[in-house]
Amino acid sequence: MNPKEKAAQYAFEKIENKFHKDFILGIGTGSTTNCFIEILKEKKPEMKCFVSSSSASSDLLKDAGYIDAELNDVGGPDIYVDGADEVNSKFELIKGGGGALTREKIIASASQKFICIVDQTKVVDRFGKFPVAVEVIPMARRYVSRQIVAMGGRPNYRIGFLTDNGNQIIDVLNLNFDVPFETEGRINKIPGVVENGIFSARKADYIVISDGAKTYEL
């Protein structure tokens, strides 16, 4: 197995005994999350339903026979499982490379536990190498970009991409990450911003990391 598959396997083994007929799973988006979904399709643990951050993940789990539910109808998932683009030792994350950051943050915040699964390459001492995705209302994209430039950031419009919410994405480099929580809040105060990919207000509860040779958790 590759590191992503090993991280997913470790995470599944960690929560395997939590599944039951009334269990609600929150599931994220991305290649590492897809590895976890493949394990679910193989092992077929019992659950009431799942809440997904993207139509792509929903389609995979519906194909396995699981019920796709809306967050409004079921409340908070018992456990949310997702990957990340960067993680640090404080359990803070950068997410949004796949563009599903808003739904990911909503489901993570509504869940009782958030397990993040990554390979070793995603672990950093300081955020900044991977751009922060900012979901914006289309009419506000240029205004938001100007405000981000005023913060010192370098925004780049993700051309040809729309989120599942029908919005656009600005990818931002050169942000100040002395205090990620403050930067997350400052971006979200800009009118026209829906959400950004800094997960500091809602951190992961557990981070499962694999380099292929070993797998461990923070």
C-alpha atoms as a PDB file:
ATOM      1  CA  MET A   1       0.000   0.000   0.000  1.00  0.00           C
ATOM      2  CA  ASN A   2       1.094   3.568  -0.638  1.00  0.00           C
ATOM      3  CA  PRO A   3       1.232   6.153   2.219  1.00  0.00           C
ATOM      4  CA  LYS A   4      -2.272   7.484   1.510  1.00  0.00           C
ATOM      5  CA  GLU A   5      -3.745   4.000   1.569  1.00  0.00           C
ATOM      6  CA  LYS A   6      -1.901   3.166   4.790  1.00  0.00           C
ATOM      7  CA  ALA A   7      -3.151   6.330   6.487  1.00  0.00           C
ATOM      8  CA  ALA A   8      -6.707   5.514   5.421  1.00  0.00           C
ATOM      9  CA  GLN A   9      -6.375   1.943   6.660  1.00  0.00           C
ATOM     10  CA  TYR A  10      -5.061   3.088  10.037  1.00  0.00           C
ATOM     11  CA  ALA A  11      -7.927   5.573  10.393  1.00  0.00           C
ATOM     12  CA  PHE A  12     -10.512   2.929   9.544  1.00  0.00           C
ATOM     13  CA  GLU A  13      -9.068   0.510  12.094  1.00  0.00           C
ATOM     14  CA  LYS A  14      -9.182   3.292  14.681  1.00  0.00           C
ATOM     15  CA  ILE A  15     -12.927   3.821  14.276  1.00  0.00           C
ATOM     16  CA  GLU A  16     -14.089   0.435  12.973  1.00  0.00           C
ATOM     17  CA  ASN A  17     -15.793  -0.441  16.266  1.00  0.00           C
ATOM     18  CA  LYS A  18     -17.697   2.870  16.258  1.00  0.00           C
ATOM     19  CA  PHE A  19     -19.957   1.929  13.352  1.00  0.00           C
ATOM     20  CA  HIS A  20     -23.538   0.844  14.146  1.00  0.00           C
ATOM     21  CA  LYS A  21     -27.025   1.119  12.674  1.00  0.00           C
ATOM     22  CA  ASP A  22     -27.518   4.725  13.839  1.00  0.00           C
ATOM     23  CA  PHE A  23     -23.986   5.914  13.018  1.00  0.00           C
ATOM     24  CA  ILE A  24     -23.684   9.006  10.808  1.00  0.00           C
ATOM     25  CA  LEU A  25     -20.419   9.420   8.914  1.00  0.00           C
ATOM     26  CA  GLY A  26     -19.099  12.727   7.609  1.00  0.00           C
ATOM     27  CA  ILE A  27     -16.852  12.291   4.588  1.00  0.00           C
ATOM     28  CA  GLY A  28     -14.594  14.764   2.817  1.00  0.00           C
ATOM     29  CA  THR A  29     -13.032  15.088  -0.613  1.00  0.00           C
ATOM     30  CA  GLY A  30      -9.750  14.203  -2.279  1.00  0.00           C
ATOM     31  CA  SER A  31      -7.383  11.385  -3.133  1.00  0.00           C
ATOM     32  CA  THR A  32      -6.637  10.309   0.450  1.00  0.00           C
ATOM     33  CA  THR A  33     -10.315  10.411   1.358  1.00  0.00           C
ATOM     34  CA  ASN A  34     -11.013   8.265  -1.697  1.00  0.00           C
ATOM     35  CA  CYS A  35      -8.688   5.633  -0.229  1.00  0.00           C
ATOM     36  CA  PHE A  36     -10.835   5.632   2.912  1.00  0.00           C
ATOM     37  CA  ILE A  37     -13.993   5.317   0.813  1.00  0.00           C
ATOM     38  CA  GLU A  38     -12.518   2.295  -0.972  1.00  0.00           C
ATOM     39  CA  ILE A  39     -12.034   0.631   2.410  1.00  0.00           C
ATOM     40  CA  LEU A  40     -15.663   1.357   3.301  1.00  0.00           C
ATOM     41  CA  LYS A  41     -16.764  -0.215   0.026  1.00  0.00           C
ATOM     42  CA  GLU A  42     -14.715  -3.312   0.805  1.00  0.00           C
ATOM     43  CA  LYS A  43     -15.493  -3.709   4.515  1.00  0.00           C
ATOM     44  CA  LYS A  44     -19.110  -2.461   4.311  1.00  0.00           C
ATOM     45  CA  PRO A  45     -19.491  -1.334   7.966  1.00  0.00           C
ATOM     46  CA  GLU A  46     -23.035  -0.647   9.123  1.00  0.00           C
ATOM     47  CA  MET A  47     -24.180   2.973   9.287  1.00  0.00           C
ATOM     48  CA  LYS A  48     -27.401   4.938   9.094  1.00  0.00           C
ATOM     49  CA  CYS A  49     -26.182   7.353   6.414  1.00  0.00           C
ATOM     50  CA  PHE A  50     -23.374   9.668   5.425  1.00  0.00           C
ATOM     51  CA  VAL A  51     -23.018  13.418   4.897  1.00  0.00           C
ATOM     52  CA  SER A  52     -20.567  14.381   2.178  1.00  0.00           C
ATOM     53  CA  SER A  53     -18.669  17.546   1.283  1.00  0.00           C
ATOM     54  CA  SER A  54     -18.822  16.896  -2.462  1.00  0.00           C
ATOM     55  CA  SER A  55     -20.906  15.243  -5.130  1.00  0.00           C
ATOM     56  CA  ALA A  56     -17.864  13.186  -6.156  1.00  0.00           C
ATOM     57  CA  SER A  57     -17.564  11.549  -2.726  1.00  0.00           C
ATOM     58  CA  SER A  58     -21.337  11.140  -2.534  1.00  0.00           C
ATOM     59  CA  ASP A  59     -21.401   9.253  -5.825  1.00  0.00           C
ATOM     60  CA  LEU A  60     -18.701   6.838  -4.645  1.00  0.00           C
ATOM     61  CA  LEU A  61     -20.520   5.993  -1.420  1.00  0.00           C
ATOM     62  CA  LYS A  62     -23.938   5.771  -3.043  1.00  0.00           C
ATOM     63  CA  ASP A  63     -22.455   3.225  -5.444  1.00  0.00           C
ATOM     64  CA  ALA A  64     -21.516   1.183  -2.370  1.00  0.00           C
ATOM     65  CA  GLY A  65     -25.149   1.198  -1.216  1.00  0.00           C
ATOM     66  CA  TYR A  66     -24.941   3.836   1.507  1.00  0.00           C
ATOM     67  CA  ILE A  67     -27.596   6.522   2.010  1.00  0.00           C
ATOM     68  CA  ASP A  68     -26.609  10.085   1.100  1.00  0.00           C
ATOM     69  CA  ALA A  69     -28.149  12.502   3.628  1.00  0.00           C
ATOM     70  CA  GLU A  70     -28.343  16.277   3.977  1.00  0.00           C
ATOM     71  CA  LEU A  71     -26.787  17.862   7.047  1.00  0.00           C
ATOM     72  CA  ASN A  72     -30.031  19.766   7.670  1.00  0.00           C
ATOM     73  CA  ASP A  73     -31.910  16.482   8.002  1.00  0.00           C
ATOM     74  CA  VAL A  74     -29.591  14.514  10.284  1.00  0.00           C
ATOM     75  CA  GLY A  75     -27.665  16.974  12.441  1.00  0.00           C
ATOM     76  CA  GLY A  76     -23.995  16.467  13.199  1.00  0.00           C
ATOM     77  CA  PRO A  77     -22.092  13.371  12.050  1.00  0.00           C
ATOM     78  CA  ASP A  78     -20.497  11.190  14.711  1.00  0.00           C
ATOM     79  CA  ILE A  79     -17.120  11.280  12.939  1.00  0.00           C
ATOM     80  CA  TYR A  80     -15.833  13.298   9.992  1.00  0.00           C
ATOM     81  CA  VAL A  81     -12.957  11.868   7.916  1.00  0.00           C
ATOM     82  CA  ASP A  82     -11.031  14.010   5.436  1.00  0.00           C
ATOM     83  CA  GLY A  83      -7.565  14.807   4.134  1.00  0.00           C
ATOM     84  CA  ALA A  84      -5.612  18.073   4.035  1.00  0.00           C
ATOM     85  CA  ASP A  85      -3.100  19.976   1.940  1.00  0.00           C
ATOM     86  CA  GLU A  86      -0.968  20.983   4.951  1.00  0.00           C
ATOM     87  CA  VAL A  87      -1.074  20.094   8.650  1.00  0.00           C
ATOM     88  CA  ASN A  88       0.929  21.328  11.635  1.00  0.00           C
ATOM     89  CA  SER A  89       1.658  20.089  15.146  1.00  0.00           C
ATOM     90  CA  LYS A  90      -1.177  22.220  16.576  1.00  0.00           C
ATOM     91  CA  PHE A  91      -3.723  20.188  14.563  1.00  0.00           C
ATOM     92  CA  GLU A  92      -4.404  23.187  12.325  1.00  0.00           C
ATOM     93  CA  LEU A  93      -4.931  22.508   8.612  1.00  0.00           C
ATOM     94  CA  ILE A  94      -4.864  24.062   5.177  1.00  0.00           C
ATOM     95  CA  LYS A  95      -7.570  22.584   2.945  1.00  0.00           C
ATOM     96  CA  GLY A  96      -9.328  23.450  -0.274  1.00  0.00           C
ATOM     97  CA  GLY A  97      -7.116  22.155  -3.070  1.00  0.00           C
ATOM     98  CA  GLY A  98     -10.171  20.321  -4.376  1.00  0.00           C
ATOM     99  CA  GLY A  99     -12.412  23.353  -3.946  1.00  0.00           C
ATOM    100  CA  ALA A 100     -14.799  21.818  -1.387  1.00  0.00           C
ATOM    101  CA  LEU A 101     -13.498  23.820   1.594  1.00  0.00           C
ATOM    102  CA  THR A 102     -16.779  25.460   2.605  1.00  0.00           C
ATOM    103  CA  ARG A 103     -18.746  22.233   2.829  1.00  0.00           C
ATOM    104  CA  GLU A 104     -15.756  20.544   4.432  1.00  0.00           C
ATOM    105  CA  LYS A 105     -15.565  23.185   7.146  1.00  0.00           C
ATOM    106  CA  ILE A 106     -19.313  23.087   7.768  1.00  0.00           C
ATOM    107  CA  ILE A 107     -19.386  19.306   8.167  1.00  0.00           C
ATOM    108  CA  ALA A 108     -16.205  19.271  10.252  1.00  0.00           C
ATOM    109  CA  SER A 109     -17.650  21.922  12.564  1.00  0.00           C
ATOM    110  CA  ALA A 110     -20.916  19.997  12.925  1.00  0.00           C
ATOM    111  CA  SER A 111     -19.175  16.688  13.680  1.00  0.00           C
ATOM    112  CA  GLN A 112     -18.359  15.335  17.112  1.00  0.00           C
ATOM    113  CA  LYS A 113     -14.887  14.188  15.993  1.00  0.00           C
ATOM    114  CA  PHE A 114     -12.716  15.132  13.016  1.00  0.00           C
ATOM    115  CA  ILE A 115     -10.059  12.669  11.847  1.00  0.00           C
ATOM    116  CA  CYS A 116      -7.638  14.035   9.247  1.00  0.00           C
ATOM    117  CA  ILE A 117      -5.662  11.510   7.175  1.00  0.00           C
ATOM    118  CA  VAL A 118      -2.512  12.553   5.287  1.00  0.00           C
ATOM    119  CA  ASP A 119       0.808  11.317   3.981  1.00  0.00           C
ATOM    120  CA  GLN A 120       4.041  12.609   5.486  1.00  0.00           C
ATOM    121  CA  THR A 121       4.564  15.198   2.735  1.00  0.00           C
ATOM    122  CA  LYS A 122       1.639  17.247   4.092  1.00  0.00           C
ATOM    123  CA  VAL A 123       3.233  17.822   7.514  1.00  0.00           C
ATOM    124  CA  VAL A 124       4.823  21.288   7.853  1.00  0.00           C
ATOM    125  CA  ASP A 125       6.351  23.422  10.585  1.00  0.00           C
ATOM    126  CA  ARG A 126       4.752  26.548   9.133  1.00  0.00           C
ATOM    127  CA  PHE A 127       1.965  27.048   6.618  1.00  0.00           C
ATOM    128  CA  GLY A 128       2.571  28.888   3.373  1.00  0.00           C
ATOM    129  CA  LYS A 129       3.859  26.589   0.636  1.00  0.00           C
ATOM    130  CA  PHE A 130       0.362  25.516  -0.410  1.00  0.00           C
ATOM    131  CA  PRO A 131      -2.025  28.331  -1.408  1.00  0.00           C
ATOM    132  CA  VAL A 132      -5.075  29.051   0.719  1.00  0.00           C
ATOM    133  CA  ALA A 133      -8.292  28.600  -1.223  1.00  0.00           C
ATOM    134  CA  VAL A 134     -10.843  31.366  -0.680  1.00  0.00           C
ATOM    135  CA  GLU A 135     -14.378  30.720  -1.920  1.00  0.00           C
ATOM    136  CA  VAL A 136     -16.014  33.942  -3.104  1.00  0.00           C
ATOM    137  CA  ILE A 137     -19.325  35.139  -4.483  1.00  0.00           C
ATOM    138  CA  PRO A 138     -18.586  35.655  -8.223  1.00  0.00           C
ATOM    139  CA  MET A 139     -19.487  39.367  -8.299  1.00  0.00           C
ATOM    140  CA  ALA A 140     -17.064  40.045  -5.424  1.00  0.00           C
ATOM    141  CA  ARG A 141     -14.001  38.231  -6.784  1.00  0.00           C
ATOM    142  CA  ARG A 142     -11.990  41.311  -7.792  1.00  0.00           C
ATOM    143  CA  TYR A 143     -12.975  43.271  -4.710  1.00  0.00           C
ATOM    144  CA  VAL A 144     -11.960  40.401  -2.451  1.00  0.00           C
ATOM    145  CA  SER A 145      -8.695  40.040  -4.363  1.00  0.00           C
ATOM    146  CA  ARG A 146      -7.874  43.713  -3.773  1.00  0.00           C
ATOM    147  CA  GLN A 147      -8.537  43.345  -0.052  1.00  0.00           C
ATOM    148  CA  ILE A 148      -6.293  40.297   0.089  1.00  0.00           C
ATOM    149  CA  VAL A 149      -3.518  42.189  -1.708  1.00  0.00           C
ATOM    150  CA  ALA A 150      -3.869  44.885   0.967  1.00  0.00           C
ATOM    151  CA  MET A 151      -3.234  42.154   3.534  1.00  0.00           C
ATOM    152  CA  GLY A 152      -0.005  41.243   1.735  1.00  0.00           C
ATOM    153  CA  GLY A 153      -1.411  38.180  -0.014  1.00  0.00           C
ATOM    154  CA  ARG A 154      -0.958  37.198  -3.665  1.00  0.00           C
ATOM    155  CA  PRO A 155      -4.344  36.058  -5.033  1.00  0.00           C
ATOM    156  CA  ASN A 156      -4.751  33.960  -8.162  1.00  0.00           C
ATOM    157  CA  TYR A 157      -8.159  33.309  -9.713  1.00  0.00           C
ATOM    158  CA  ARG A 158      -8.789  29.576 -10.277  1.00  0.00           C
ATOM    159  CA  ILE A 159      -9.954  29.922 -13.888  1.00  0.00           C
ATOM    160  CA  GLY A 160     -12.708  27.645 -15.135  1.00  0.00           C
ATOM    161  CA  PHE A 161     -13.614  26.248 -11.729  1.00  0.00           C
ATOM    162  CA  LEU A 162     -16.892  26.523  -9.848  1.00  0.00           C
ATOM    163  CA  THR A 163     -17.541  25.045  -6.407  1.00  0.00           C
ATOM    164  CA  ASP A 164     -20.521  22.775  -5.743  1.00  0.00           C
ATOM    165  CA  ASN A 165     -22.094  25.935  -4.292  1.00  0.00           C
ATOM    166  CA  GLY A 166     -21.766  27.751  -7.635  1.00  0.00           C
ATOM    167  CA  ASN A 167     -19.031  30.086  -6.405  1.00  0.00           C
ATOM    168  CA  GLN A 168     -15.480  30.867  -7.528  1.00  0.00           C
ATOM    169  CA  ILE A 169     -12.103  30.194  -5.895  1.00  0.00           C
ATOM    170  CA  ILE A 170      -9.166  32.524  -5.323  1.00  0.00           C
ATOM    171  CA  ASP A 171      -5.917  30.749  -4.378  1.00  0.00           C
ATOM    172  CA  VAL A 172      -3.736  32.912  -2.142  1.00  0.00           C
ATOM    173  CA  LEU A 173      -0.021  32.775  -1.345  1.00  0.00           C
ATOM    174  CA  ASN A 174       2.146  34.980   0.884  1.00  0.00           C
ATOM    175  CA  LEU A 175      -0.291  35.238   3.786  1.00  0.00           C
ATOM    176  CA  ASN A 176       0.864  35.920   7.342  1.00  0.00           C
ATOM    177  CA  PHE A 177       0.749  32.689   9.339  1.00  0.00           C
ATOM    178  CA  ASP A 178       2.188  33.919  12.634  1.00  0.00           C
ATOM    179  CA  VAL A 179      -1.295  33.246  14.056  1.00  0.00           C
ATOM    180  CA  PRO A 180      -3.373  31.177  11.574  1.00  0.00           C
ATOM    181  CA  PHE A 181      -6.556  31.699  13.626  1.00  0.00           C
ATOM    182  CA  GLU A 182      -6.327  35.464  13.149  1.00  0.00           C
ATOM    183  CA  THR A 183      -5.658  35.197   9.420  1.00  0.00           C
ATOM    184  CA  GLU A 184      -8.603  32.833   9.000  1.00  0.00           C
ATOM    185  CA  GLY A 185     -10.925  35.293  10.715  1.00  0.00           C
ATOM    186  CA  ARG A 186      -9.563  38.338   8.922  1.00  0.00           C
ATOM    187  CA  ILE A 187     -10.181  36.829   5.478  1.00  0.00           C
ATOM    188  CA  ASN A 188     -13.687  35.739   6.406  1.00  0.00           C
ATOM    189  CA  LYS A 189     -14.599  39.304   7.404  1.00  0.00           C
ATOM    190  CA  ILE A 190     -14.138  40.540   3.832  1.00  0.00           C
ATOM    191  CA  PRO A 191     -17.593  41.042   2.249  1.00  0.00           C
ATOM    192  CA  GLY A 192     -18.056  38.534  -0.555  1.00  0.00           C
ATOM    193  CA  VAL A 193     -15.958  35.794   1.050  1.00  0.00           C
ATOM    194  CA  VAL A 194     -17.931  32.630   1.705  1.00  0.00           C
ATOM    195  CA  GLU A 195     -15.152  30.717   3.500  1.00  0.00           C
ATOM    196  CA  ASN A 196     -11.418  30.088   3.376  1.00  0.00           C
ATOM    197  CA  GLY A 197      -9.265  26.995   3.628  1.00  0.00           C
ATOM    198  CA  ILE A 198      -7.532  27.724   6.952  1.00  0.00           C
ATOM    199  CA  PHE A 199      -8.862  25.261   9.516  1.00  0.00           C
ATOM    200  CA  SER A 200      -7.758  26.811  12.794  1.00  0.00           C
ATOM    201  CA  ALA A 201     -11.046  27.687  14.485  1.00  0.00           C
ATOM    202  CA  ARG A 202     -12.113  24.081  13.829  1.00  0.00           C
ATOM    203  CA  LYS A 203      -8.967  21.986  14.053  1.00  0.00           C
ATOM    204  CA  ALA A 204      -8.684  18.244  13.577  1.00  0.00           C
ATOM    205  CA  ASP A 205      -9.145  16.104  16.677  1.00  0.00           C
ATOM    206  CA  TYR A 206      -6.750  13.463  15.353  1.00  0.00           C
ATOM    207  CA  ILE A 207      -4.255  13.526  12.488  1.00  0.00           C
ATOM    208  CA  VAL A 208      -3.200  10.191  11.020  1.00  0.00           C
ATOM    209  CA  ILE A 209       0.117  10.372   9.153  1.00  0.00           C
ATOM    210  CA  SER A 210       1.869   7.771   7.008  1.00  0.00           C
ATOM    211  CA  ASP A 211       5.186   7.847   5.177  1.00  0.00           C
ATOM    212  CA  GLY A 212       4.733   4.338   3.806  1.00  0.00           C
ATOM    213  CA  ALA A 213       7.095   2.710   6.279  1.00  0.00           C
ATOM    214  CA  LYS A 214       5.168   3.684   9.411  1.00  0.00           C
ATOM    215  CA  THR A 215       1.825   5.180  10.308  1.00  0.00           C
ATOM    216  CA  TYR A 216       1.119   7.181  13.431  1.00  0.00           C
ATOM    217  CA  GLU A 217      -1.209   9.843  14.814  1.00  0.00           C
ATOM    218  CA  LEU A 218      -0.826  13.242  16.409  1.00  0.00           C
END
